[in-house]
Protein backbone atom coordinates (compact mmCIF):
# COMPACT_ATOMS: atom_id res chain seq x y z
CA MET A 1 76.25 183.00 84.28
CA ALA A 2 75.44 180.43 81.62
CA ALA A 3 76.51 176.83 82.00
CA ASP A 4 78.76 175.06 79.54
CA GLN A 5 79.67 171.41 79.04
CA PRO A 6 81.69 169.85 81.88
CA GLU A 7 85.37 170.53 81.34
CA HIS A 8 86.34 166.84 81.46
CA LEU A 9 83.86 166.16 78.62
CA SER A 10 84.25 169.33 76.55
CA ARG A 11 88.04 169.63 76.30
CA PRO A 12 88.39 167.70 73.03
CA ARG A 13 85.89 170.05 71.39
CA GLU A 14 87.40 173.16 72.98
CA ALA A 15 90.79 172.29 71.49
CA LEU A 16 89.27 172.55 67.99
CA PRO A 17 89.01 175.88 66.15
CA LEU A 18 85.69 177.59 65.59
CA ARG A 19 84.47 177.20 62.01
CA GLY A 20 81.56 178.12 59.79
CA ARG A 21 78.38 179.28 61.48
CA SER A 22 79.85 178.90 64.98
CA LEU A 23 82.74 181.20 64.10
CA ALA A 24 80.40 183.83 62.61
CA VAL A 25 77.96 183.74 65.55
CA GLU A 26 80.64 183.84 68.24
CA ALA A 27 82.47 186.65 66.46
CA ALA A 28 79.29 188.74 66.21
CA VAL A 29 78.32 188.14 69.84
CA ALA A 30 81.87 188.84 71.08
CA LEU A 31 82.07 192.04 69.03
CA ALA A 32 78.71 193.21 70.34
CA PHE A 33 79.85 192.56 73.91
CA GLY A 34 83.10 194.45 73.36
CA VAL A 35 81.30 197.48 71.96
CA ALA A 36 78.68 197.47 74.74
CA ALA A 37 81.22 197.02 77.53
CA ALA A 38 83.47 199.76 76.15
CA LEU A 39 80.58 202.22 75.78
CA LEU A 40 79.33 201.47 79.29
CA ALA A 41 82.80 201.99 80.78
CA ALA A 42 83.31 205.22 78.81
CA LEU A 43 79.94 206.71 79.73
CA GLY A 44 79.88 205.50 83.34
CA HIS A 45 80.67 207.47 86.45
CA GLY A 46 83.05 206.92 89.32
CA HIS A 47 86.75 206.53 89.97
CA VAL A 48 88.46 203.20 89.22
CA ARG A 49 90.92 201.95 91.83
CA TRP A 50 93.24 199.99 89.59
CA ASP A 51 94.83 197.97 92.36
CA VAL A 52 91.42 196.77 93.56
CA ALA A 53 90.31 196.11 89.97
CA ALA A 54 93.45 194.02 89.32
CA VAL A 55 92.93 191.93 92.47
CA LEU A 56 89.26 191.48 91.59
CA ALA A 57 90.23 190.20 88.12
CA ALA A 58 92.79 187.81 89.63
CA ALA A 59 90.28 186.54 92.20
CA LEU A 60 87.70 186.09 89.46
CA ALA A 61 90.25 184.06 87.47
CA PHE A 62 90.65 181.76 90.47
CA THR A 63 86.89 181.16 90.63
CA VAL A 64 86.83 180.47 86.88
CA ARG A 65 89.24 177.58 87.51
CA ALA A 66 87.01 176.27 90.33
CA GLN A 67 84.38 174.74 88.10
CA PHE A 68 81.38 173.15 89.81
CA ASP A 69 79.34 170.53 87.96
CA ILE A 70 75.67 171.32 88.08
CA GLY A 71 72.78 169.90 86.08
CA SER A 72 74.07 168.70 82.71
CA GLY A 73 76.94 171.18 82.60
CA TYR A 74 79.13 173.22 84.87
CA THR A 75 79.29 176.73 86.26
CA PRO A 76 82.17 178.37 88.10
CA PRO A 77 81.40 180.18 91.37
CA THR A 78 82.31 183.57 89.85
CA GLN A 79 79.36 185.20 91.64
CA LEU A 80 81.49 185.22 94.82
CA VAL A 81 83.77 187.84 93.21
CA PHE A 82 81.56 189.36 90.52
CA VAL A 83 79.16 190.84 93.11
CA PRO A 84 82.03 192.66 94.90
CA ALA A 85 83.26 193.83 91.47
CA LEU A 86 79.86 195.45 90.86
CA LEU A 87 79.88 197.30 94.19
CA LEU A 88 83.52 198.05 95.06
CA GLU A 89 84.38 199.53 91.65
CA PRO A 90 82.14 201.60 89.38
CA ALA A 91 79.49 199.19 88.05
CA SER A 92 80.26 200.41 84.53
CA VAL A 93 83.67 198.67 84.51
CA ALA A 94 82.42 195.38 86.02
CA PRO A 95 81.96 193.76 82.55
CA LEU A 96 85.59 194.57 81.70
CA ILE A 97 86.75 193.09 85.02
CA ALA A 98 84.64 190.01 84.27
CA VAL A 99 86.14 189.46 80.82
CA ALA A 100 89.66 190.08 82.16
CA GLY A 101 89.12 187.53 84.94
CA TRP A 102 87.68 184.95 82.55
CA ALA A 103 90.55 185.41 80.11
CA LEU A 104 93.15 185.14 82.88
CA GLY A 105 91.46 182.03 84.24
CA ARG A 106 91.52 180.26 80.86
CA VAL A 107 95.15 181.12 80.00
CA PRO A 108 96.43 177.77 81.42
CA ASP A 109 94.05 175.89 79.07
CA LEU A 110 95.26 177.99 76.14
CA VAL A 111 98.93 177.32 76.97
CA ARG A 112 98.33 173.54 77.31
CA GLY A 113 96.55 173.43 73.96
CA GLU A 114 93.25 172.43 75.57
CA LEU A 115 91.56 175.65 74.40
CA HIS A 116 91.93 176.87 70.83
CA SER A 117 92.91 180.50 70.35
CA SER A 118 89.71 181.23 68.38
CA ARG A 119 87.61 180.05 71.29
CA PHE A 120 89.78 182.00 73.74
CA LEU A 121 89.37 185.23 71.79
CA LEU A 122 85.68 184.89 70.93
CA LYS A 123 83.87 182.62 73.38
CA ILE A 124 85.22 184.29 76.51
CA PRO A 125 83.69 187.69 75.63
CA SER A 126 80.53 185.89 74.49
CA ASN A 127 80.29 184.14 77.86
CA CYS A 128 80.53 187.46 79.71
CA TRP A 129 77.23 188.90 78.51
CA PHE A 130 75.88 188.01 81.95
CA ALA A 131 77.85 191.00 83.34
CA LEU A 132 76.23 193.72 81.22
CA GLY A 133 72.69 193.59 82.60
CA PRO A 134 73.48 194.03 86.32
CA ALA A 135 76.15 196.63 85.54
CA LEU A 136 73.66 198.67 83.52
CA VAL A 137 70.99 198.44 86.26
CA LEU A 138 73.32 199.64 89.00
CA GLU A 139 74.92 202.32 86.84
CA LEU A 140 71.55 203.79 85.83
CA ALA A 141 70.42 203.70 89.47
CA GLY A 142 73.56 205.56 90.54
CA VAL A 143 74.64 202.86 93.00
CA HIS A 144 78.16 203.41 94.31
CA GLY A 145 79.25 201.05 97.03
CA PRO A 146 77.25 198.51 99.03
CA SER A 147 74.24 199.66 101.03
CA TRP A 148 71.48 197.61 102.62
CA HIS A 149 68.95 200.18 101.44
CA ASP A 150 69.69 199.22 97.83
CA TRP A 151 68.66 195.56 98.21
CA PRO A 152 65.74 195.94 95.69
CA LEU A 153 68.26 197.15 93.13
CA TYR A 154 70.48 194.13 93.88
CA VAL A 155 67.54 191.82 93.20
CA ALA A 156 66.85 193.69 89.95
CA ALA A 157 70.52 193.41 88.96
CA LEU A 158 70.48 189.65 89.57
CA ALA A 159 67.33 189.34 87.46
CA ALA A 160 69.01 191.34 84.69
CA GLN A 161 71.95 188.95 84.88
CA PHE A 162 69.63 185.98 84.40
CA VAL A 163 67.91 187.66 81.45
CA GLY A 164 71.31 188.29 79.87
CA ASP A 165 72.17 184.63 80.34
CA LEU A 166 68.96 183.53 78.66
CA VAL A 167 69.10 185.98 75.77
CA SER A 168 72.79 185.69 74.88
CA GLY A 169 73.18 181.96 75.59
CA GLY A 170 69.85 181.04 74.09
CA LEU A 171 70.49 183.07 70.95
CA ARG A 172 73.94 181.53 70.43
CA GLU A 173 72.75 177.95 70.94
CA TRP A 174 69.78 178.53 68.65
CA LEU A 175 71.84 180.06 65.85
CA GLU A 176 74.75 177.62 66.15
CA LEU A 177 73.05 174.33 67.01
CA GLY A 178 69.37 174.95 66.39
CA ILE A 179 68.48 174.35 70.06
CA ALA A 180 65.38 176.29 71.04
CA PRO A 181 65.86 178.60 74.06
CA ALA A 182 62.98 176.88 75.86
CA LEU A 183 64.99 173.63 75.88
CA GLN A 184 67.88 175.39 77.60
CA LEU A 185 65.77 176.69 80.47
CA ARG A 186 66.11 173.55 82.60
CA SER A 187 69.91 173.73 82.61
CA LEU A 188 69.81 177.48 83.21
CA LEU A 189 67.50 177.08 86.21
CA TYR A 190 70.20 175.02 87.97
CA VAL A 191 72.79 177.68 87.18
CA TRP A 192 70.54 180.52 88.33
CA ALA A 193 69.82 178.75 91.61
CA PHE A 194 73.58 178.29 92.11
CA ASP A 195 74.29 181.97 91.38
CA ALA A 196 71.40 183.13 93.56
CA ALA A 197 72.75 181.08 96.47
CA LEU A 198 76.26 182.52 96.13
CA SER A 199 75.21 186.14 95.56
CA PRO A 200 74.53 186.91 99.27
CA VAL A 201 78.02 185.60 100.11
CA GLY A 202 79.48 187.92 97.48
CA LEU A 203 77.41 190.78 98.86
CA LEU A 204 78.74 190.20 102.40
CA ALA A 205 82.27 190.11 100.97
CA ALA A 206 81.60 193.51 99.39
CA PHE A 207 80.44 194.98 102.72
CA ALA A 208 83.51 193.55 104.46
CA SER A 209 85.74 195.20 101.85
CA VAL A 210 84.46 198.70 102.58
CA GLY A 211 86.69 199.02 105.62
CA HIS A 212 89.27 196.44 104.52
CA ARG A 213 90.29 197.01 100.92
CA PHE A 214 90.85 193.40 99.83
CA ALA A 215 88.65 191.49 102.27
CA PHE A 216 86.72 189.96 99.35
CA VAL A 217 89.59 187.53 98.72
CA GLY A 218 88.32 185.69 101.81
CA VAL A 219 85.69 184.02 99.61
CA LEU A 220 88.33 182.14 97.60
CA PRO A 221 88.61 179.18 100.04
CA LEU A 222 84.88 178.65 99.58
CA ALA A 223 85.41 178.56 95.80
CA ALA A 224 88.19 176.01 96.27
CA LEU A 225 85.95 173.90 98.52
CA LEU A 226 83.19 173.90 95.91
CA ALA A 227 85.74 172.81 93.32
CA LEU A 228 86.85 169.92 95.55
CA PHE A 229 83.24 168.84 96.01
CA SER A 230 82.79 168.97 92.25
CA ILE A 231 85.91 166.83 91.66
CA GLU A 232 84.64 164.22 94.11
CA ARG A 233 81.25 164.22 92.39
CA VAL A 234 82.90 163.69 89.01
CA ARG A 235 85.00 160.84 90.41
CA ARG A 236 81.95 159.14 91.89
CA PHE A 237 80.08 159.61 88.62
CA GLU A 238 82.95 158.17 86.60
CA ALA A 239 83.28 155.25 89.03
CA GLU A 240 79.57 154.50 88.75
CA LEU A 241 79.74 154.86 84.98
CA GLY A 242 82.66 152.43 84.90
CA ALA A 243 80.77 149.97 87.11
CA MET A 244 77.71 150.26 84.90
CA ARG A 245 79.79 149.55 81.78
CA SER A 246 81.41 146.60 83.54
CA ARG A 247 78.00 145.21 84.43
CA GLU A 248 76.91 145.64 80.82
CA ALA A 249 80.04 143.79 79.69
CA MET A 250 79.29 141.09 82.28
CA ILE A 251 75.78 140.63 80.92
CA ALA A 252 77.09 140.51 77.35
CA GLY A 253 79.78 138.00 78.29
CA ALA A 254 77.38 135.86 80.27
CA SER A 255 74.86 135.92 77.43
CA HIS A 256 77.54 134.63 75.10
CA GLU A 257 78.56 131.92 77.58
CA LEU A 258 74.95 130.84 78.09
CA ARG A 259 74.22 130.74 74.38
CA THR A 260 76.70 127.93 73.69
CA PRO A 261 75.27 125.23 76.01
CA LEU A 262 71.73 126.29 75.17
CA SER A 263 72.42 125.94 71.45
CA VAL A 264 74.01 122.52 71.93
CA LEU A 265 71.14 121.38 74.12
CA GLY A 266 68.61 122.62 71.59
CA GLY A 267 70.36 120.76 68.79
CA LEU A 268 70.57 117.52 70.77
CA ILE A 269 66.91 117.70 71.77
CA GLU A 270 65.90 118.17 68.13
CA ALA A 271 68.15 115.27 67.06
CA LEU A 272 66.63 112.96 69.66
CA GLY A 273 63.16 114.03 68.64
CA ARG A 274 63.79 113.33 64.96
CA ALA A 275 65.33 109.92 65.66
CA PRO A 276 63.26 108.13 68.31
CA ASP A 277 64.83 104.82 67.26
CA MET A 278 68.42 106.10 67.56
CA GLU A 279 70.85 103.28 68.25
CA PRO A 280 71.76 102.95 71.96
CA SER A 281 75.42 104.02 71.61
CA ARG A 282 74.54 107.27 69.84
CA ARG A 283 71.71 107.95 72.31
CA ALA A 284 74.13 107.42 75.20
CA GLU A 285 76.60 109.89 73.61
CA ALA A 286 73.83 112.46 73.12
CA LEU A 287 72.62 112.11 76.70
CA ALA A 288 76.20 112.40 78.02
CA SER A 289 76.68 115.58 75.98
CA MET A 290 73.40 116.94 77.32
CA ARG A 291 74.55 116.24 80.88
CA ARG A 292 77.79 118.12 80.21
CA GLN A 293 76.03 121.12 78.72
CA THR A 294 73.48 121.13 81.53
CA GLY A 295 76.30 121.08 84.09
CA GLN A 296 78.00 124.06 82.47
CA LEU A 297 74.67 125.89 82.23
CA ARG A 298 73.99 125.20 85.92
CA HIS A 299 77.42 126.62 86.77
CA LEU A 300 76.81 129.85 84.85
CA VAL A 301 73.37 130.38 86.37
CA GLY A 302 74.79 129.61 89.82
CA GLN A 303 77.37 132.37 89.35
CA PHE A 304 74.63 134.92 88.77
CA ILE A 305 72.75 133.78 91.85
CA ASP A 306 75.87 133.87 94.06
CA TYR A 307 76.84 137.30 92.72
CA ALA A 308 73.34 138.69 93.26
CA GLU A 309 73.33 137.43 96.85
CA LEU A 310 76.72 139.01 97.56
CA LYS A 311 75.59 142.34 96.11
CA ALA A 312 72.45 142.12 98.24
CA GLY A 313 74.66 141.98 101.34
CA ARG A 314 74.25 138.28 102.07
CA ASP A 315 77.56 136.59 102.82
CA PHE A 316 78.36 133.20 101.38
CA VAL A 317 77.47 130.47 103.90
CA ALA A 318 79.86 127.52 103.80
CA ARG A 319 78.72 124.02 104.75
CA PRO A 320 81.99 122.10 105.01
CA ARG A 321 82.18 118.38 105.52
CA THR A 322 84.68 115.64 104.82
CA VAL A 323 84.60 114.76 101.10
CA GLU A 324 86.65 112.62 98.74
CA LEU A 325 88.53 114.85 96.30
CA GLY A 326 88.81 112.26 93.53
CA PRO A 327 85.10 112.21 92.61
CA CYS A 328 84.94 116.02 92.90
CA LEU A 329 87.75 116.46 90.38
CA ALA A 330 86.37 113.76 88.08
CA ALA A 331 82.90 115.37 88.05
CA VAL A 332 84.39 118.66 86.84
CA ALA A 333 86.65 117.03 84.23
CA GLU A 334 83.71 115.04 82.87
CA LEU A 335 81.96 118.23 81.81
CA TRP A 336 84.80 119.04 79.37
CA GLU A 337 85.43 115.66 77.85
CA GLY A 338 88.88 115.54 76.26
CA ASP A 339 89.86 119.10 77.26
CA VAL A 340 90.22 118.52 81.02
CA ARG A 341 91.97 115.67 82.78
CA ALA A 342 91.64 114.78 86.46
CA GLU A 343 94.50 112.92 88.11
CA PRO A 344 93.30 110.06 90.33
CA THR A 345 93.53 110.65 94.07
CA THR A 346 92.27 109.04 97.28
CA LEU A 347 92.75 112.19 99.38
CA ARG A 348 89.98 113.64 101.49
CA ALA A 349 89.41 117.20 102.62
CA HIS A 350 87.11 119.12 104.94
CA THR A 351 85.39 121.58 102.64
CA ASP A 352 82.06 122.60 101.15
CA PRO A 353 81.70 120.27 98.13
CA ASP A 354 79.28 122.53 96.25
CA ALA A 355 81.58 125.52 96.69
CA LEU A 356 84.62 123.48 95.65
CA HIS A 357 82.79 122.33 92.52
CA ALA A 358 81.84 125.92 91.63
CA VAL A 359 85.41 127.13 92.27
CA LEU A 360 86.96 124.40 90.09
CA MET A 361 84.42 125.07 87.34
CA ALA A 362 85.37 128.77 87.35
CA LEU A 363 89.10 128.02 87.30
CA VAL A 364 88.78 125.47 84.50
CA SER A 365 86.56 127.84 82.48
CA ASN A 366 89.16 130.58 82.88
CA ALA A 367 92.01 128.23 81.92
CA LEU A 368 90.21 127.05 78.77
CA LYS A 369 89.36 130.63 77.75
CA HIS A 370 92.88 132.09 78.08
CA GLY A 371 94.98 129.06 77.04
CA PRO A 372 96.00 126.30 76.76
CA ALA A 373 97.99 126.53 73.57
CA THR A 374 98.71 122.77 73.72
CA GLY A 375 97.66 119.95 75.99
CA PRO A 376 94.65 119.63 78.31
CA VAL A 377 93.91 121.39 81.56
CA THR A 378 94.91 119.17 84.46
CA LEU A 379 93.20 118.87 87.84
CA ALA A 380 95.32 117.47 90.67
CA ALA A 381 95.13 117.23 94.45
CA SER A 382 97.71 117.10 97.23
CA ASP A 383 97.46 117.53 100.97
CA GLY A 384 95.12 120.50 101.55
CA VAL A 385 95.53 121.78 97.99
CA VAL A 386 93.79 121.38 94.63
CA SER A 387 95.54 122.73 91.54
CA VAL A 388 94.33 123.59 88.04
CA VAL A 389 97.21 123.63 85.57
CA ASP A 390 97.15 124.68 81.91
CA GLU A 391 99.73 124.95 79.14
CA GLY A 392 98.71 128.41 77.99
CA PRO A 393 100.66 131.69 77.84
CA GLY A 394 100.06 132.57 81.49
CA ILE A 395 99.17 136.00 82.87
CA PRO A 396 101.55 138.99 83.17
CA ALA A 397 102.91 139.20 86.71
CA ASP A 398 101.42 142.65 87.29
CA ARG A 399 97.95 141.29 86.45
CA LEU A 400 97.94 138.20 88.66
CA GLY A 401 96.23 140.00 91.52
CA ALA A 402 93.90 142.12 89.39
CA VAL A 403 92.22 139.11 87.75
CA PHE A 404 90.39 138.48 91.03
CA ASP A 405 88.82 141.94 90.94
CA GLU A 406 85.08 142.10 90.50
CA LEU A 407 84.13 142.18 86.77
CA SER A 408 87.79 142.02 85.73
CA GLU A 409 88.32 141.93 81.96
CA THR A 410 90.88 139.13 82.43
CA ASN A 411 88.26 137.06 84.23
CA GLU A 412 86.32 134.33 82.47
CA GLY A 413 83.15 134.98 80.40
CA SER A 414 80.89 137.00 82.65
CA GLY A 415 83.84 138.47 84.57
CA LEU A 416 82.64 136.89 87.82
CA GLY A 417 84.32 133.49 87.98
CA LEU A 418 87.63 134.22 89.69
CA TYR A 419 86.12 136.90 91.91
CA LEU A 420 83.46 134.49 93.21
CA ALA A 421 85.96 131.63 93.48
CA ARG A 422 88.15 133.58 95.87
CA GLU A 423 85.14 134.86 97.86
CA MET A 424 83.82 131.30 98.28
CA MET A 425 87.13 129.87 99.46
CA ARG A 426 87.89 132.75 101.80
CA ALA A 427 84.43 132.39 103.35
CA GLN A 428 85.49 128.96 104.63
CA GLY A 429 89.06 129.85 105.61
CA GLY A 430 90.72 128.91 102.31
CA ASP A 431 91.95 130.92 99.35
CA VAL A 432 92.72 130.86 95.62
CA VAL A 433 96.06 132.03 94.20
CA LEU A 434 97.51 132.10 90.70
CA ALA A 435 101.12 131.63 89.65
CA ASN A 436 102.91 131.42 86.32
CA ARG A 437 104.77 128.13 85.96
CA PRO A 438 108.52 128.33 85.20
CA GLY A 439 108.13 126.04 82.19
CA GLY A 440 105.13 127.92 80.83
CA GLY A 441 101.44 127.89 81.57
CA LEU A 442 99.42 128.97 84.59
CA GLU A 443 98.70 127.16 87.84
CA ALA A 444 95.65 128.05 89.93
CA VAL A 445 95.99 126.76 93.48
CA VAL A 446 92.94 126.23 95.69
CA LEU A 447 93.98 126.28 99.34
CA LEU A 448 91.49 124.21 101.31
CA ALA A 449 90.66 125.04 104.91
CA GLY A 450 91.91 122.68 107.61
CA ASP A 451 89.64 120.58 109.75
C-alpha cells in the first residue's frame, strides 16, 4: 500500500480540511473506489462469513495503528491481515474489509481532532485502491481459499497491488501537488519491499486459519513489534536531530563569541598601524587590551579543542601540581578589566593550573552573560575552594543541574563552557556546583581535589 507522511510530521496537516483541488481529486478518487468495490462485491462469488470478516476488519485496524517508518514516509503492516482477508473470505469483498479496517483504525485520530472529517471520509477510501487489483486477480481466477498450487496467482495479485499503488497514488499526487509519478517511485520501492516481505507471513497466517478459524490474529504481536521498532527509530532520529540543532546553535554562538575579540583585535592593529608614533601610555593601553582579547580568544578556541577531544573518546588528562591561587585568579580577572575582581589570597592548591584557568574563564564568561545586574563578578579562594560570585538574577532552582548538560541553552556562548568545566574538574577529583545566593546572585563553587 502507498506510503504517506510520517504521522508525527503529518498530523498538523491532517487536522486541516481538504480544500480546492485536493478536495475535488480526493472526492473523485474515493467515489471511484466506492463504485468499483461495490460492483466487485456484488458481482463476486462465494459466501461471506460475517464473523470472520468482522475480526479481519478489527485486526486490520490494529495494523493500521502500528505505523512503521520507512523511506521518507510510513506504511502500516496491513499486509499481515490483508493477505488472509483475500484468501479466507471471497476476494471480491476484500476491498470492503480493507476500507472498514482503515476507517476503524483512524477513528481515534478523528475523535481526538487529529484527522479532519473530510480526510476521514475521502482519503481513507482513496488510500484503499491497493486492495482492488489483487482482489480482481483472485476473483477472476476463481481462487477460493489458500492453496500452494496457486502461488503464481499470489505473485500476480501482489504485482496488481503494486500497480494500483502506483496508478492511484501517483495520479493523486500529480493532480494535487504536481509531483510526477516517476519521482514517487523511490518511496514506493521501499513500501513495496516492506509489503513483499510481510506477504509470506500473511499467507502462512491464512493457511493456519483454514483449520483454526481465527488463527490469523496471531500475526498481531508481530505488527506491534514493528510499531515498537518504528517508535524507537523515530526517537533516535529526533534525538539526533536535536543534537544536530544544538551543534548548529553551538557553532552560531561560538561564532558570535569569537567575532567580538577578533573585531577588537582588528581595530587595535589598524590603530597601531596608523599611529606608529603613538604616545607610550596609549600604546600600553592598546597592547593591554590586545592581550585581554587574545586571552579570551585563546579560551574560546581551547574550548573547541577540548570538546573535540572528548567527542573523539579521549579523556581529559590532568597534570596537577602545587600552584598559588592568587596569581591564577588575578590572571583571569585581568582579562575583563573593571568587570571582574579577584580578591587577594596567599592560598595554594594541588591542581592543574591550565584546567583551573579554563574553568574560571568559563564560569566568569557565564556570569557576565547571564548577570550581573549591578556590581562586578568576584573571584575568591578559601581552603580547597574557588568561588565565582555575581550579582545577577541567578538561575531557577530546577535548572541548576541542567546548565551543566552538553550544549545547554543556559550555558555560556557556545554552550560548552559549564559542561567542559565540570568535566575538567571531575577528571582530577574535583567538581563544580552552582547555588543561588540568599541575598541574590549566583555563586559557582569550584571544588579542588586534595593533595
